[in-house]
Amino acid sequence: MLFTKMHGLGNDFIVIEDNGMDDNDYSTLASKLCHRHFGIGADGILVVKKSEIADSKMLIFNSDGSQAEMCGNGLRCYAKYLYDNNVVRKNPMTIDTLDGVKKVLIEEKNNEANKVQINMGKPILEPSVIPANFTENIINTKITADGEEFQITSMLMGVPHTIVFVEDFDNTDFEGIGKRIENSSYFPKKTNVNFVKVMNGKEFKIRTWERGAGLTLACGTGACAALVACALNNKTGKEALAHLAGGDLHIIWDDSNDVYMTGPAITVFKGESFI
């Protein structure tokens, strides 16, 4: 099986072409391919499929085998793969995901995709849609997870995201707190947990604990959700630079309620797997 290893700000993926397997088989394959010691190693796999409603359809499977609706860093890598390999040589292009069709704009350099801008869609705050066990929108809401209290803001930004604002960013227990909130009874389908340190009205730092993948170097949907949370809590404006462990993303939440993300995507290597 041929594959391409890619990453978006260190959030790494294995891209493979659809070979007709069902989702359960791709789930099993993802667990094997993504293993850091016995496989290729990645946060997830991206499956390239044909679409009847867009230029291509992307399936995402996390390293634990779970399927994700959407991933911003993955989508940038996926778009670069399509463009650079002449699978879809259109600009802009449309990509079908389990979170709907996304419009993608390519910034080209040396005849290849350099940066990718994605309309990530509109944030959804209704708890029943996230889903979350609350009756009102979750904006600066106090919760208790394993006996510890947290102030959170939650939404659906393709996938469920919860934002926790922190002051002592470098000494925050991302894994410990992330696990507790991810698996709390408030979120029946779990949630990604984003730790955000606001630097000023136009910049913030972020680390994301991803459900199904753990602590990653970057999460595109998380950065988008974080900007929305910052704006809702009057901590930044509706445009900011997100500083992730793997690099920076430019995020805009426009007046039509759409969130745009711009950032790089990198091809690391290509190969053949015998797993």
Protein backbone atom coordinates (compact mmCIF):
# COMPACT_ATOMS: atom_id res chain seq x y z
CA MET A 1 0.00 0.00 0.00
CA LEU A 2 1.43 3.37 -1.07
CA PHE A 3 1.27 6.24 1.40
CA THR A 4 2.37 9.83 1.89
CA LYS A 5 3.47 11.13 5.29
CA MET A 6 2.47 14.76 5.89
CA HIS A 7 2.09 17.21 8.73
CA GLY A 8 0.44 20.51 9.53
CA LEU A 9 2.45 22.26 12.27
CA GLY A 10 3.59 18.90 13.63
CA ASN A 11 0.09 17.35 13.64
CA ASP A 12 1.07 14.41 11.41
CA PHE A 13 -0.95 12.20 9.10
CA ILE A 14 -0.62 9.26 6.75
CA VAL A 15 -2.47 9.87 3.49
CA ILE A 16 -3.68 6.85 1.53
CA GLU A 17 -5.93 6.37 -1.49
CA ASP A 18 -9.24 4.58 -0.97
CA ASN A 19 -8.99 0.88 -1.83
CA GLY A 20 -12.60 -0.03 -1.16
CA MET A 21 -12.20 -1.12 2.48
CA ASP A 22 -15.10 -0.42 4.86
CA ASP A 23 -14.79 1.99 7.77
CA ASN A 24 -14.13 -0.75 10.33
CA ASP A 25 -11.15 -1.97 8.31
CA TYR A 26 -9.78 1.58 7.99
CA SER A 27 -10.19 1.95 11.74
CA THR A 28 -8.06 -1.14 12.36
CA LEU A 29 -5.54 -0.03 9.75
CA ALA A 30 -5.22 3.41 11.36
CA SER A 31 -4.29 1.88 14.72
CA LYS A 32 -1.55 -0.18 13.07
CA LEU A 33 -0.14 2.45 10.71
CA CYS A 34 -0.13 5.23 13.33
CA HIS A 35 1.80 3.25 15.96
CA ARG A 36 5.02 5.15 16.65
CA HIS A 37 7.11 2.01 17.15
CA PHE A 38 5.50 -0.76 15.10
CA GLY A 39 4.00 1.32 12.29
CA ILE A 40 4.78 4.47 10.34
CA GLY A 41 3.75 6.74 13.19
CA ALA A 42 1.14 9.50 13.02
CA ASP A 43 -1.75 11.18 14.80
CA GLY A 44 -4.16 9.80 12.21
CA ILE A 45 -4.77 8.63 8.65
CA LEU A 46 -6.51 10.52 5.85
CA VAL A 47 -8.33 8.45 3.24
CA VAL A 48 -8.74 9.96 -0.25
CA LYS A 49 -12.16 9.12 -1.66
CA LYS A 50 -14.31 10.26 -4.58
CA SER A 51 -17.26 12.54 -3.89
CA GLU A 52 -20.49 13.19 -5.74
CA ILE A 53 -20.96 16.62 -4.17
CA ALA A 54 -17.40 18.00 -4.01
CA ASP A 55 -14.01 17.67 -5.70
CA SER A 56 -12.97 14.96 -3.22
CA LYS A 57 -14.06 13.33 0.05
CA MET A 58 -11.79 13.04 3.09
CA LEU A 59 -12.16 10.40 5.79
CA ILE A 60 -10.18 10.79 9.04
CA PHE A 61 -9.28 8.05 11.48
CA ASN A 62 -7.40 8.85 14.69
CA SER A 63 -4.44 6.84 15.95
CA ASP A 64 -6.74 4.92 18.32
CA GLY A 65 -8.97 3.87 15.42
CA SER A 66 -11.82 6.26 16.15
CA GLN A 67 -13.26 8.22 13.25
CA ALA A 68 -13.30 12.03 13.37
CA GLU A 69 -15.74 14.32 11.62
CA MET A 70 -13.20 17.00 10.82
CA CYS A 71 -9.59 18.10 11.38
CA GLY A 72 -8.23 21.45 10.27
CA ASN A 73 -4.56 20.45 10.06
CA GLY A 74 -5.56 17.23 8.34
CA LEU A 75 -7.66 19.10 5.81
CA ARG A 76 -4.75 21.38 4.91
CA CYS A 77 -2.53 18.33 4.36
CA TYR A 78 -5.28 16.63 2.38
CA ALA A 79 -5.72 19.67 0.11
CA LYS A 80 -1.96 19.88 -0.51
CA TYR A 81 -1.89 16.17 -1.36
CA LEU A 82 -4.70 16.60 -3.90
CA TYR A 83 -3.11 19.67 -5.45
CA ASP A 84 0.52 18.54 -5.58
CA ASN A 85 -0.34 15.08 -6.94
CA ASN A 86 -2.76 16.42 -9.58
CA VAL A 87 -5.66 14.53 -8.04
CA VAL A 88 -7.56 17.83 -7.93
CA ARG A 89 -5.73 20.68 -9.61
CA LYS A 90 -8.31 23.38 -8.88
CA ASN A 91 -8.07 26.58 -6.89
CA PRO A 92 -10.28 27.02 -4.98
CA MET A 93 -11.37 23.41 -4.45
CA THR A 94 -14.10 21.79 -2.39
CA ILE A 95 -13.61 18.86 -0.02
CA ASP A 96 -16.42 16.78 1.44
CA THR A 97 -16.04 15.85 5.13
CA LEU A 98 -18.33 14.34 7.74
CA ASP A 99 -18.79 17.94 8.90
CA GLY A 100 -19.94 19.08 5.46
CA VAL A 101 -18.27 20.46 2.34
CA LYS A 102 -15.31 22.78 2.97
CA LYS A 103 -14.03 25.41 0.54
CA VAL A 104 -10.24 25.49 0.30
CA LEU A 105 -8.00 28.18 -1.22
CA ILE A 106 -4.42 27.29 -2.18
CA GLU A 107 -1.48 29.69 -1.85
CA GLU A 108 0.98 28.32 -4.40
CA LYS A 109 4.78 28.41 -4.38
CA ASN A 110 7.02 26.69 -6.94
CA ASN A 111 3.98 25.02 -8.50
CA GLU A 112 3.02 23.36 -5.20
CA ALA A 113 0.62 24.21 -2.40
CA ASN A 114 2.48 26.27 0.22
CA LYS A 115 -0.21 27.61 2.53
CA VAL A 116 -3.85 26.61 2.63
CA GLN A 117 -6.83 28.71 3.70
CA ILE A 118 -9.96 26.85 4.76
CA ASN A 119 -13.45 28.07 5.48
CA MET A 120 -13.98 25.99 8.61
CA GLY A 121 -17.67 26.84 8.82
CA LYS A 122 -19.69 28.31 11.65
CA PRO A 123 -19.22 27.56 15.35
CA ILE A 124 -22.27 25.95 16.97
CA LEU A 125 -22.89 26.84 20.60
CA GLU A 126 -26.12 24.92 21.25
CA PRO A 127 -25.30 22.28 23.91
CA SER A 128 -27.59 19.64 22.38
CA VAL A 129 -25.63 19.80 19.12
CA ILE A 130 -22.09 19.75 20.60
CA PRO A 131 -23.32 17.47 22.37
CA ALA A 132 -23.02 18.54 26.01
CA ASN A 133 -25.21 18.05 29.04
CA PHE A 134 -26.04 21.71 29.66
CA THR A 135 -29.26 23.70 29.22
CA GLU A 136 -27.63 27.00 28.21
CA ASN A 137 -24.70 27.96 25.99
CA ILE A 138 -21.39 27.09 27.65
CA ILE A 139 -19.58 30.42 27.86
CA ASN A 140 -17.30 30.89 30.88
CA THR A 141 -19.27 28.16 32.66
CA LYS A 142 -18.06 26.52 35.87
CA ILE A 143 -17.78 22.72 35.90
CA THR A 144 -16.35 20.13 38.26
CA ALA A 145 -14.28 17.26 36.86
CA ASP A 146 -12.84 14.70 39.28
CA GLY A 147 -13.33 17.10 42.16
CA GLU A 148 -11.57 20.05 40.51
CA GLU A 149 -13.35 23.18 39.26
CA PHE A 150 -12.76 24.72 35.83
CA GLN A 151 -14.21 27.64 33.87
CA ILE A 152 -14.92 26.46 30.33
CA THR A 153 -16.31 27.62 27.01
CA SER A 154 -17.51 24.87 24.67
CA MET A 155 -18.76 24.60 21.10
CA LEU A 156 -18.92 22.41 18.03
CA MET A 157 -16.27 23.54 15.54
CA GLY A 158 -16.49 20.54 13.26
CA VAL A 159 -15.85 18.44 16.37
CA PRO A 160 -16.58 19.19 20.04
CA HIS A 161 -14.13 21.65 21.58
CA THR A 162 -13.77 22.95 25.12
CA ILE A 163 -11.57 25.93 25.94
CA VAL A 164 -9.89 26.53 29.29
CA PHE A 165 -8.12 29.87 29.77
CA VAL A 166 -4.92 29.58 31.82
CA GLU A 167 -2.41 32.07 33.21
CA ASP A 168 0.56 29.80 34.01
CA PHE A 169 0.69 28.21 30.56
CA ASP A 170 4.07 26.49 30.87
CA ASN A 171 3.18 24.72 34.12
CA THR A 172 -0.34 23.62 33.23
CA ASP A 173 -0.99 19.86 33.42
CA PHE A 174 -2.33 19.55 29.87
CA GLU A 175 -2.59 15.77 29.96
CA GLY A 176 -4.06 15.40 33.42
CA ILE A 177 -6.69 18.12 33.04
CA GLY A 178 -7.31 17.24 29.40
CA LYS A 179 -8.15 13.64 30.24
CA ARG A 180 -10.47 14.64 33.07
CA ILE A 181 -12.51 17.08 31.01
CA GLU A 182 -12.49 14.93 27.85
CA ASN A 183 -13.98 11.98 29.70
CA SER A 184 -16.30 13.89 32.05
CA SER A 185 -20.03 13.14 32.07
CA TYR A 186 -20.75 16.60 30.67
CA PHE A 187 -19.74 15.43 27.19
CA PRO A 188 -21.45 12.18 26.06
CA LYS A 189 -19.26 11.98 22.93
CA LYS A 190 -16.21 13.34 24.75
CA THR A 191 -14.55 16.63 23.86
CA ASN A 192 -11.23 18.04 22.71
CA VAL A 193 -9.72 20.28 25.38
CA ASN A 194 -7.83 23.47 24.48
CA PHE A 195 -5.65 25.36 26.94
CA VAL A 196 -5.34 29.02 25.95
CA LYS A 197 -3.09 31.79 27.22
CA VAL A 198 -4.08 35.19 25.81
CA MET A 199 -1.00 37.29 25.08
CA ASN A 200 -2.76 40.43 23.84
CA GLY A 201 -5.83 41.37 21.81
CA LYS A 202 -4.39 39.83 18.65
CA GLU A 203 -2.39 36.79 19.80
CA PHE A 204 -2.79 33.72 21.97
CA LYS A 205 -0.92 30.52 22.81
CA ILE A 206 -2.75 27.19 22.63
CA ARG A 207 -2.15 23.52 23.38
CA THR A 208 -4.80 20.93 22.58
CA TRP A 209 -5.60 17.60 24.20
CA GLU A 210 -7.36 15.75 21.36
CA ARG A 211 -9.88 13.03 22.05
CA GLY A 212 -8.54 9.87 20.47
CA ALA A 213 -5.03 11.26 19.92
CA GLY A 214 -3.84 12.87 23.15
CA LEU A 215 -1.63 15.95 23.32
CA THR A 216 -0.72 17.12 19.81
CA LEU A 217 1.60 19.79 18.50
CA ALA A 218 -1.26 21.51 16.68
CA CYS A 219 -5.03 21.34 16.22
CA GLY A 220 -6.63 23.52 13.54
CA THR A 221 -10.24 23.19 14.67
CA GLY A 222 -9.04 23.82 18.22
CA ALA A 223 -7.33 27.07 17.20
CA CYS A 224 -10.53 28.16 15.45
CA ALA A 225 -12.65 27.31 18.49
CA ALA A 226 -10.16 29.13 20.71
CA LEU A 227 -10.48 32.36 18.71
CA VAL A 228 -14.27 32.17 18.97
CA ALA A 229 -13.99 31.57 22.72
CA CYS A 230 -11.54 34.48 23.08
CA ALA A 231 -13.92 36.81 21.25
CA LEU A 232 -16.99 35.60 23.18
CA ASN A 233 -15.16 36.23 26.45
CA ASN A 234 -13.88 39.65 25.27
CA LYS A 235 -10.25 38.58 25.47
CA THR A 236 -9.35 39.27 21.79
CA GLY A 237 -10.94 40.61 18.66
CA LYS A 238 -12.32 38.37 15.91
CA GLU A 239 -8.95 38.02 14.17
CA ALA A 240 -5.80 36.71 15.82
CA LEU A 241 -2.57 34.81 15.40
CA ALA A 242 -2.64 31.46 17.19
CA HIS A 243 0.74 30.24 18.46
CA LEU A 244 0.75 26.43 18.59
CA ALA A 245 3.63 24.20 19.63
CA GLY A 246 4.23 23.33 15.97
CA GLY A 247 3.89 26.84 14.53
CA ASP A 248 1.36 29.59 13.84
CA LEU A 249 -2.12 29.77 12.34
CA HIS A 250 -3.94 32.91 11.23
CA ILE A 251 -7.60 32.75 12.30
CA ILE A 252 -10.50 35.04 11.32
CA TRP A 253 -14.11 34.89 12.56
CA ASP A 254 -15.95 37.06 10.03
CA ASP A 255 -19.26 38.94 10.18
CA SER A 256 -21.10 36.10 8.42
CA ASN A 257 -20.15 33.83 11.38
CA ASP A 258 -17.69 31.79 9.29
CA VAL A 259 -14.25 30.96 10.67
CA TYR A 260 -11.24 30.97 8.32
CA MET A 261 -7.93 29.29 9.07
CA THR A 262 -4.70 29.83 7.11
CA GLY A 263 -1.53 27.82 7.65
CA PRO A 264 1.12 25.57 6.10
CA ALA A 265 1.09 21.90 5.14
CA ILE A 266 4.24 19.83 4.58
CA THR A 267 4.97 16.60 2.70
CA VAL A 268 7.56 14.66 4.72
CA PHE A 269 8.09 11.49 2.67
CA LYS A 270 6.39 8.85 0.54
CA GLY A 271 6.65 5.10 0.84
CA GLU A 272 5.03 1.69 0.76
CA SER A 273 3.61 -0.12 3.77
CA PHE A 274 3.35 -3.89 4.12
CA ILE A 275 1.16 -3.84 7.25
